[in-house]
Protein backbone atom coordinates (compact mmCIF):
# COMPACT_ATOMS: atom_id res chain seq x y z
CA MET A 1 0.00 0.00 0.00
CA ASP A 2 1.38 3.39 -1.02
CA TYR A 3 0.07 5.94 1.46
CA VAL A 4 -0.67 9.51 0.42
CA ARG A 5 -0.82 12.87 2.15
CA LEU A 6 -4.25 14.24 3.01
CA GLY A 7 -4.11 17.53 1.17
CA LYS A 8 -1.06 19.50 2.21
CA THR A 9 -1.03 18.12 5.76
CA GLY A 10 1.59 15.69 7.01
CA LEU A 11 -1.12 13.08 7.67
CA ARG A 12 -0.69 9.98 5.50
CA VAL A 13 -3.71 7.90 4.61
CA SER A 14 -4.43 4.91 2.41
CA PRO A 15 -5.69 5.89 -1.07
CA ILE A 16 -8.84 3.94 -0.22
CA CYS A 17 -10.98 5.00 2.76
CA LEU A 18 -13.43 2.48 4.21
CA GLY A 19 -16.82 4.09 4.62
CA THR A 20 -18.78 2.61 7.49
CA MET A 21 -22.35 3.85 7.09
CA THR A 22 -23.24 0.21 6.35
CA TYR A 23 -22.06 -0.89 9.81
CA GLY A 24 -24.21 -0.36 12.87
CA SER A 25 -27.82 -1.32 13.46
CA PRO A 26 -30.43 -2.59 10.95
CA LYS A 27 -33.00 -0.82 13.12
CA TRP A 28 -31.78 2.41 11.48
CA ARG A 29 -31.89 1.09 7.89
CA ASP A 30 -32.68 -2.51 7.04
CA TRP A 31 -29.64 -2.76 4.75
CA VAL A 32 -27.20 -1.99 7.60
CA LEU A 33 -25.03 -4.84 8.91
CA ASN A 34 -24.99 -5.50 12.66
CA GLU A 35 -21.79 -5.58 14.71
CA GLU A 36 -21.07 -9.27 14.21
CA GLU A 37 -21.49 -8.95 10.45
CA SER A 38 -19.48 -5.72 10.26
CA ARG A 39 -16.32 -6.65 12.13
CA PRO A 40 -14.85 -9.01 9.48
CA PHE A 41 -14.89 -6.21 6.90
CA ILE A 42 -13.07 -3.81 9.21
CA GLN A 43 -10.51 -6.49 10.08
CA GLN A 44 -10.03 -7.35 6.42
CA ALA A 45 -9.55 -3.69 5.52
CA LEU A 46 -6.78 -3.39 8.11
CA GLU A 47 -5.12 -6.56 6.88
CA MET A 48 -5.15 -5.18 3.33
CA GLY A 49 -3.39 -1.99 4.42
CA ILE A 50 -6.33 0.41 4.70
CA ASN A 51 -5.72 2.79 7.62
CA PHE A 52 -8.44 5.36 6.89
CA PHE A 53 -11.97 4.84 8.27
CA ASP A 54 -14.92 7.21 7.88
CA THR A 55 -18.10 7.24 9.95
CA ALA A 56 -20.56 9.82 11.33
CA ASN A 57 -22.45 10.32 14.56
CA ALA A 58 -25.74 10.09 12.66
CA TYR A 59 -25.05 6.68 11.12
CA SER A 60 -27.32 4.20 12.92
CA ALA A 61 -27.94 7.00 15.44
CA GLY A 62 -24.46 6.57 16.91
CA VAL A 63 -24.21 2.78 16.74
CA SER A 64 -21.84 2.93 13.75
CA GLU A 65 -19.30 4.84 15.82
CA ILE A 66 -19.58 2.23 18.57
CA VAL A 67 -19.10 -0.69 16.18
CA VAL A 68 -16.21 0.95 14.33
CA GLY A 69 -14.50 2.10 17.49
CA LYS A 70 -14.67 -1.33 19.15
CA ALA A 71 -13.38 -3.11 16.05
CA LEU A 72 -10.47 -0.73 15.56
CA ASN A 73 -9.56 -0.97 19.24
CA ASP A 74 -9.58 -4.77 18.95
CA PHE A 75 -7.77 -5.12 15.64
CA ALA A 76 -5.30 -2.21 15.55
CA ARG A 77 -3.27 0.19 17.64
CA ARG A 78 -4.77 3.65 17.87
CA ASP A 79 -1.77 5.37 16.33
CA GLU A 80 -1.95 3.06 13.30
CA VAL A 81 -5.37 4.22 12.12
CA VAL A 82 -6.99 7.45 10.96
CA ILE A 83 -10.54 7.80 12.27
CA ALA A 84 -12.88 10.31 10.65
CA THR A 85 -16.36 11.15 11.86
CA LYS A 86 -18.89 13.93 11.34
CA VAL A 87 -21.22 16.37 13.07
CA PHE A 88 -24.39 18.20 11.92
CA MET A 89 -27.22 15.71 11.39
CA PRO A 90 -29.93 15.37 14.08
CA MET A 91 -29.03 13.24 17.09
CA GLY A 92 -32.39 13.79 18.73
CA ASP A 93 -35.54 15.84 18.35
CA LYS A 94 -34.60 18.69 20.70
CA PRO A 95 -33.67 22.18 19.40
CA ASN A 96 -29.93 21.92 20.06
CA GLN A 97 -29.37 18.32 19.03
CA HIS A 98 -28.38 19.12 15.46
CA GLY A 99 -26.58 21.72 13.38
CA LEU A 100 -23.25 23.47 13.83
CA SER A 101 -23.75 25.74 16.81
CA ARG A 102 -20.99 25.93 19.39
CA LYS A 103 -23.22 24.10 21.85
CA HIS A 104 -23.96 21.22 19.54
CA ILE A 105 -20.37 20.83 18.36
CA MET A 106 -19.08 20.74 21.94
CA ASP A 107 -21.72 18.21 22.98
CA ALA A 108 -21.37 16.11 19.84
CA VAL A 109 -17.60 15.78 19.86
CA ASP A 110 -17.61 14.46 23.43
CA ALA A 111 -20.38 12.01 22.58
CA SER A 112 -18.48 10.77 19.51
CA LEU A 113 -15.28 10.32 21.52
CA LYS A 114 -17.17 8.22 24.04
CA ARG A 115 -18.84 6.05 21.41
CA LEU A 116 -15.59 5.56 19.48
CA GLY A 117 -13.72 4.70 22.67
CA THR A 118 -10.85 7.05 21.89
CA ASP A 119 -9.24 10.18 23.30
CA TYR A 120 -9.11 11.98 19.98
CA ILE A 121 -10.61 12.06 16.49
CA ASP A 122 -8.18 12.33 13.61
CA LEU A 123 -10.54 14.08 11.17
CA TYR A 124 -13.69 15.81 12.44
CA GLN A 125 -15.95 16.89 9.58
CA ILE A 126 -19.02 19.05 9.30
CA HIS A 127 -21.56 16.84 7.55
CA ARG A 128 -23.21 19.75 5.72
CA TRP A 129 -23.35 23.55 5.76
CA HIS A 130 -25.64 24.96 8.44
CA HIS A 131 -27.61 28.04 7.40
CA GLY A 132 -28.78 28.49 10.98
CA THR A 133 -25.33 29.22 12.47
CA PRO A 134 -22.83 31.95 11.53
CA ILE A 135 -19.75 30.36 10.03
CA GLU A 136 -17.61 32.32 12.50
CA GLU A 137 -19.28 30.51 15.41
CA THR A 138 -18.77 27.13 13.79
CA MET A 139 -15.13 27.66 12.84
CA GLU A 140 -14.19 29.04 16.27
CA ALA A 141 -15.83 26.05 17.98
CA LEU A 142 -13.96 23.65 15.66
CA ASN A 143 -10.72 25.49 16.38
CA ASP A 144 -11.35 25.10 20.10
CA VAL A 145 -11.86 21.33 19.90
CA VAL A 146 -8.59 21.10 17.97
CA LYS A 147 -6.77 23.20 20.56
CA ALA A 148 -8.29 21.06 23.32
CA GLY A 149 -6.67 17.97 21.77
CA LYS A 150 -9.98 16.28 21.05
CA VAL A 151 -9.53 16.60 17.28
CA ARG A 152 -6.39 16.53 15.12
CA TYR A 153 -7.74 17.93 11.84
CA ILE A 154 -11.05 19.30 10.59
CA GLY A 155 -12.83 18.72 7.30
CA ALA A 156 -16.07 19.48 5.50
CA SER A 157 -18.57 17.66 3.30
CA SER A 158 -20.89 18.52 0.41
CA MET A 159 -21.58 22.23 0.00
CA TYR A 160 -21.24 25.04 -2.52
CA ALA A 161 -17.72 26.16 -3.38
CA TRP A 162 -18.51 29.71 -2.22
CA GLN A 163 -19.49 28.35 1.19
CA PHE A 164 -16.31 26.31 1.49
CA SER A 165 -14.26 29.31 0.39
CA LYS A 166 -15.97 31.48 3.00
CA ALA A 167 -15.14 28.96 5.73
CA LEU A 168 -11.49 28.81 4.65
CA TYR A 169 -11.27 32.60 4.58
CA THR A 170 -12.89 32.90 8.02
CA SER A 171 -10.31 30.55 9.52
CA GLN A 172 -7.40 32.30 7.85
CA LEU A 173 -8.64 35.73 8.93
CA ASN A 174 -8.82 34.67 12.57
CA GLY A 175 -5.83 32.34 12.75
CA TRP A 176 -8.06 29.33 13.43
CA ALA A 177 -7.67 25.72 12.34
CA LYS A 178 -8.62 25.34 8.67
CA PHE A 179 -10.45 22.60 6.84
CA VAL A 180 -7.94 20.16 5.34
CA SER A 181 -10.38 17.95 3.44
CA MET A 182 -13.56 17.99 1.39
CA GLN A 183 -15.82 14.92 1.36
CA ASN A 184 -18.01 15.48 -1.67
CA PHE A 185 -20.30 13.52 -3.96
CA TYR A 186 -18.18 12.84 -7.04
CA ASN A 187 -18.21 9.98 -9.53
CA LEU A 188 -18.58 9.29 -13.24
CA MET A 189 -22.33 9.80 -13.05
CA TYR A 190 -22.09 13.06 -11.09
CA ARG A 191 -19.27 15.41 -12.13
CA GLU A 192 -20.66 18.84 -11.25
CA GLU A 193 -17.90 19.16 -8.62
CA GLU A 194 -15.43 19.67 -11.47
CA ARG A 195 -16.84 23.15 -12.09
CA GLU A 196 -15.72 24.93 -8.92
CA MET A 197 -15.15 22.67 -5.92
CA LEU A 198 -12.29 20.57 -7.27
CA PRO A 199 -10.33 23.55 -8.66
CA LEU A 200 -10.79 25.31 -5.32
CA CYS A 201 -9.51 22.29 -3.41
CA GLN A 202 -6.47 21.98 -5.68
CA ASP A 203 -5.66 25.65 -5.33
CA GLU A 204 -5.96 25.53 -1.53
CA GLY A 205 -4.22 22.18 -1.05
CA ILE A 206 -7.36 20.47 0.26
CA GLY A 207 -7.61 16.68 0.28
CA VAL A 208 -10.64 15.36 -1.63
CA ILE A 209 -12.27 12.15 -0.36
CA PRO A 210 -15.34 11.51 -2.53
CA TRP A 211 -18.31 9.64 -1.14
CA SER A 212 -20.41 7.21 -3.19
CA PRO A 213 -17.71 6.73 -5.87
CA MET A 214 -19.92 4.20 -7.67
CA ALA A 215 -23.06 6.36 -7.56
CA ARG A 216 -24.84 4.11 -5.09
CA GLY A 217 -24.06 1.08 -7.24
CA PHE A 218 -25.49 2.38 -10.53
CA LEU A 219 -22.07 2.38 -12.16
CA VAL A 220 -21.42 -1.28 -11.41
CA ARG A 221 -24.73 -2.71 -12.54
CA ALA A 222 -24.91 -4.65 -15.74
CA PRO A 223 -26.47 -2.64 -18.58
CA GLY A 224 -30.21 -2.79 -18.05
CA GLY A 225 -29.82 -3.89 -14.41
CA GLN A 226 -32.30 -2.36 -11.99
CA GLY A 227 -30.62 -3.13 -8.69
CA GLU A 228 -31.92 -5.93 -6.52
CA THR A 229 -30.31 -5.15 -3.15
CA THR A 230 -32.31 -3.90 -0.19
CA ARG A 231 -30.33 -0.68 -0.22
CA SER A 232 -30.97 -0.04 -3.91
CA LYS A 233 -34.71 -0.22 -3.17
CA ASP A 234 -34.58 2.25 -0.25
CA GLU A 235 -37.08 4.86 -1.48
CA GLU A 236 -35.95 7.55 0.98
CA VAL A 237 -32.36 7.29 -0.23
CA ASN A 238 -33.37 7.03 -3.89
CA ASN A 239 -35.47 10.19 -3.63
CA PHE A 240 -32.45 12.00 -2.17
CA PHE A 241 -30.15 11.09 -5.06
CA SER A 242 -32.45 10.88 -8.12
CA LEU A 243 -29.74 8.97 -9.98
CA GLY A 244 -30.14 6.68 -12.93
CA LEU A 245 -33.21 8.49 -14.24
CA ARG A 246 -31.67 10.02 -17.37
CA ALA A 247 -30.63 8.44 -20.64
CA ALA A 248 -27.17 9.95 -20.08
CA ASP A 249 -26.85 8.01 -16.83
CA ALA A 250 -27.45 4.72 -18.62
CA ASN A 251 -24.93 5.71 -21.27
CA VAL A 252 -22.28 6.40 -18.62
CA ARG A 253 -23.01 3.03 -17.00
CA ASP A 254 -22.73 1.32 -20.38
CA ALA A 255 -19.38 3.02 -21.00
CA VAL A 256 -18.07 1.68 -17.69
CA ALA A 257 -19.15 -1.82 -18.69
CA ALA A 258 -17.55 -1.50 -22.12
CA VAL A 259 -14.20 -0.30 -20.77
CA ALA A 260 -14.20 -2.97 -18.06
CA GLU A 261 -14.82 -5.71 -20.61
CA ARG A 262 -12.14 -4.41 -22.98
CA ILE A 263 -9.38 -4.18 -20.36
CA GLY A 264 -10.44 -7.32 -18.54
CA THR A 265 -11.42 -6.01 -15.14
CA SER A 266 -14.55 -5.30 -13.09
CA ARG A 267 -16.85 -2.32 -13.44
CA ALA A 268 -16.13 -1.35 -9.83
CA GLN A 269 -12.41 -1.24 -10.52
CA VAL A 270 -12.95 0.94 -13.59
CA ALA A 271 -15.16 3.42 -11.68
CA LEU A 272 -12.60 3.69 -8.89
CA ALA A 273 -9.62 3.81 -11.25
CA TRP A 274 -11.21 6.79 -12.97
CA LEU A 275 -11.27 8.62 -9.63
CA HIS A 276 -7.67 7.62 -8.90
CA SER A 277 -6.72 9.20 -12.23
CA LYS A 278 -7.92 12.62 -11.02
CA GLU A 279 -5.13 14.70 -9.51
CA ALA A 280 -7.49 16.39 -7.06
CA VAL A 281 -8.70 13.12 -5.49
CA THR A 282 -6.92 11.76 -2.41
CA ALA A 283 -8.95 8.70 -1.42
CA PRO A 284 -12.43 7.59 -2.52
CA ILE A 285 -14.65 6.41 0.33
CA VAL A 286 -15.67 2.84 -0.45
CA GLY A 287 -18.35 0.81 1.28
CA ALA A 288 -17.98 -2.93 1.74
CA SER A 289 -20.84 -5.24 2.65
CA LYS A 290 -20.23 -8.31 0.50
CA PRO A 291 -17.26 -10.55 -0.34
CA GLY A 292 -15.16 -9.02 -3.09
CA HIS A 293 -15.92 -5.38 -2.36
CA LEU A 294 -12.61 -4.69 -0.62
CA GLU A 295 -10.68 -6.81 -3.10
CA ASP A 296 -12.10 -4.72 -5.96
CA ALA A 297 -11.23 -1.50 -4.15
CA ILE A 298 -7.61 -2.49 -3.58
CA ALA A 299 -7.24 -3.93 -7.08
CA SER A 300 -8.43 -0.62 -8.57
CA LEU A 301 -5.18 0.98 -7.42
CA GLU A 302 -3.34 -1.10 -10.03
CA VAL A 303 -5.71 -0.32 -12.89
CA LYS A 304 -4.19 2.34 -15.16
CA LEU A 305 -6.70 3.81 -17.56
CA SER A 306 -5.41 5.18 -20.85
CA ALA A 307 -6.35 8.62 -22.13
CA GLU A 308 -8.66 6.87 -24.59
CA ASP A 309 -10.33 4.91 -21.77
CA ILE A 310 -10.94 8.08 -19.79
CA ALA A 311 -12.32 9.90 -22.82
CA GLU A 312 -14.73 7.03 -23.48
CA LEU A 313 -15.90 7.02 -19.86
CA GLU A 314 -16.44 10.77 -19.76
CA ALA A 315 -17.99 11.33 -23.20
CA PRO A 316 -21.61 10.35 -22.34
CA TYR A 317 -21.87 12.69 -19.34
CA GLU A 318 -24.44 15.48 -19.42
CA THR A 319 -24.59 18.30 -16.89
CA GLN A 320 -27.30 18.19 -14.24
CA GLY A 321 -28.61 19.89 -11.14
CA LEU A 322 -26.73 19.71 -7.86
CA ILE A 323 -27.06 16.56 -5.75
CA GLY A 324 -26.02 15.93 -2.17
CA HIS A 325 -25.87 19.43 -0.73
CA ARG A 326 -28.97 19.22 1.44
């Protein structure tokens, strides 16, 4: 495994990050694996050289952090792994149990530390932009949790480039800790991030760790496939993404299949290899819930797409409205 720097920090991470939304409690979503089912994937990831693990306090209402934290404590030394989690989504139905206020950040970081069973979080990310809190309040609170030793680095997730730029400027103006990473929705089926966010991240030296690199599985389905997994039939999630509804989406999926067949590899490896080919991308966040998922992810690091392959994969894309910011 060749480890890479996260942006311009000195932190070195595997070029594949294991996303752990799938691990926690099926009471939250029926496609989620329970603790017993989840642990082998986390152990396998470690054995394959993955040191970067992403979760969030909202996943399985906190259970994901518990499952991930226990597994990493059992299978690895703390200084060997990079643990990322997030804050913003509701953790209850009370007024101050969500968002990015100073109160919620201070409460949430302590709760995440307890669930993860650790003294510090390597990468603490805001899960979305919060219109209800001044960015100055949010960035100062994040700076304070860094200075308190509870968090090593801070990052952000899907938002407009102007919002991310405003946050970076606010930190610089006040001498506060700055975001070092952007976790955005970016894949062959959704490339709107190439307009402003990716150039901004490259200019500022921000690590990019895309979520849903296979567009919730659409990119790896056989042409004409409708998706038969429980997760693919989750109406709430499908309504959020609205993917696979356009003719262009099917054409992109077909291009992935064609390139995979020609070079003799899997569609998953092609979709990930395309992301690896992008200079701005540090480490795609890959989920693993079935045998072969992690093997495909690691194997994608060895797949080198030609300029012709990349052109074929990108040619069918058509611009679309923004997805993932809300």
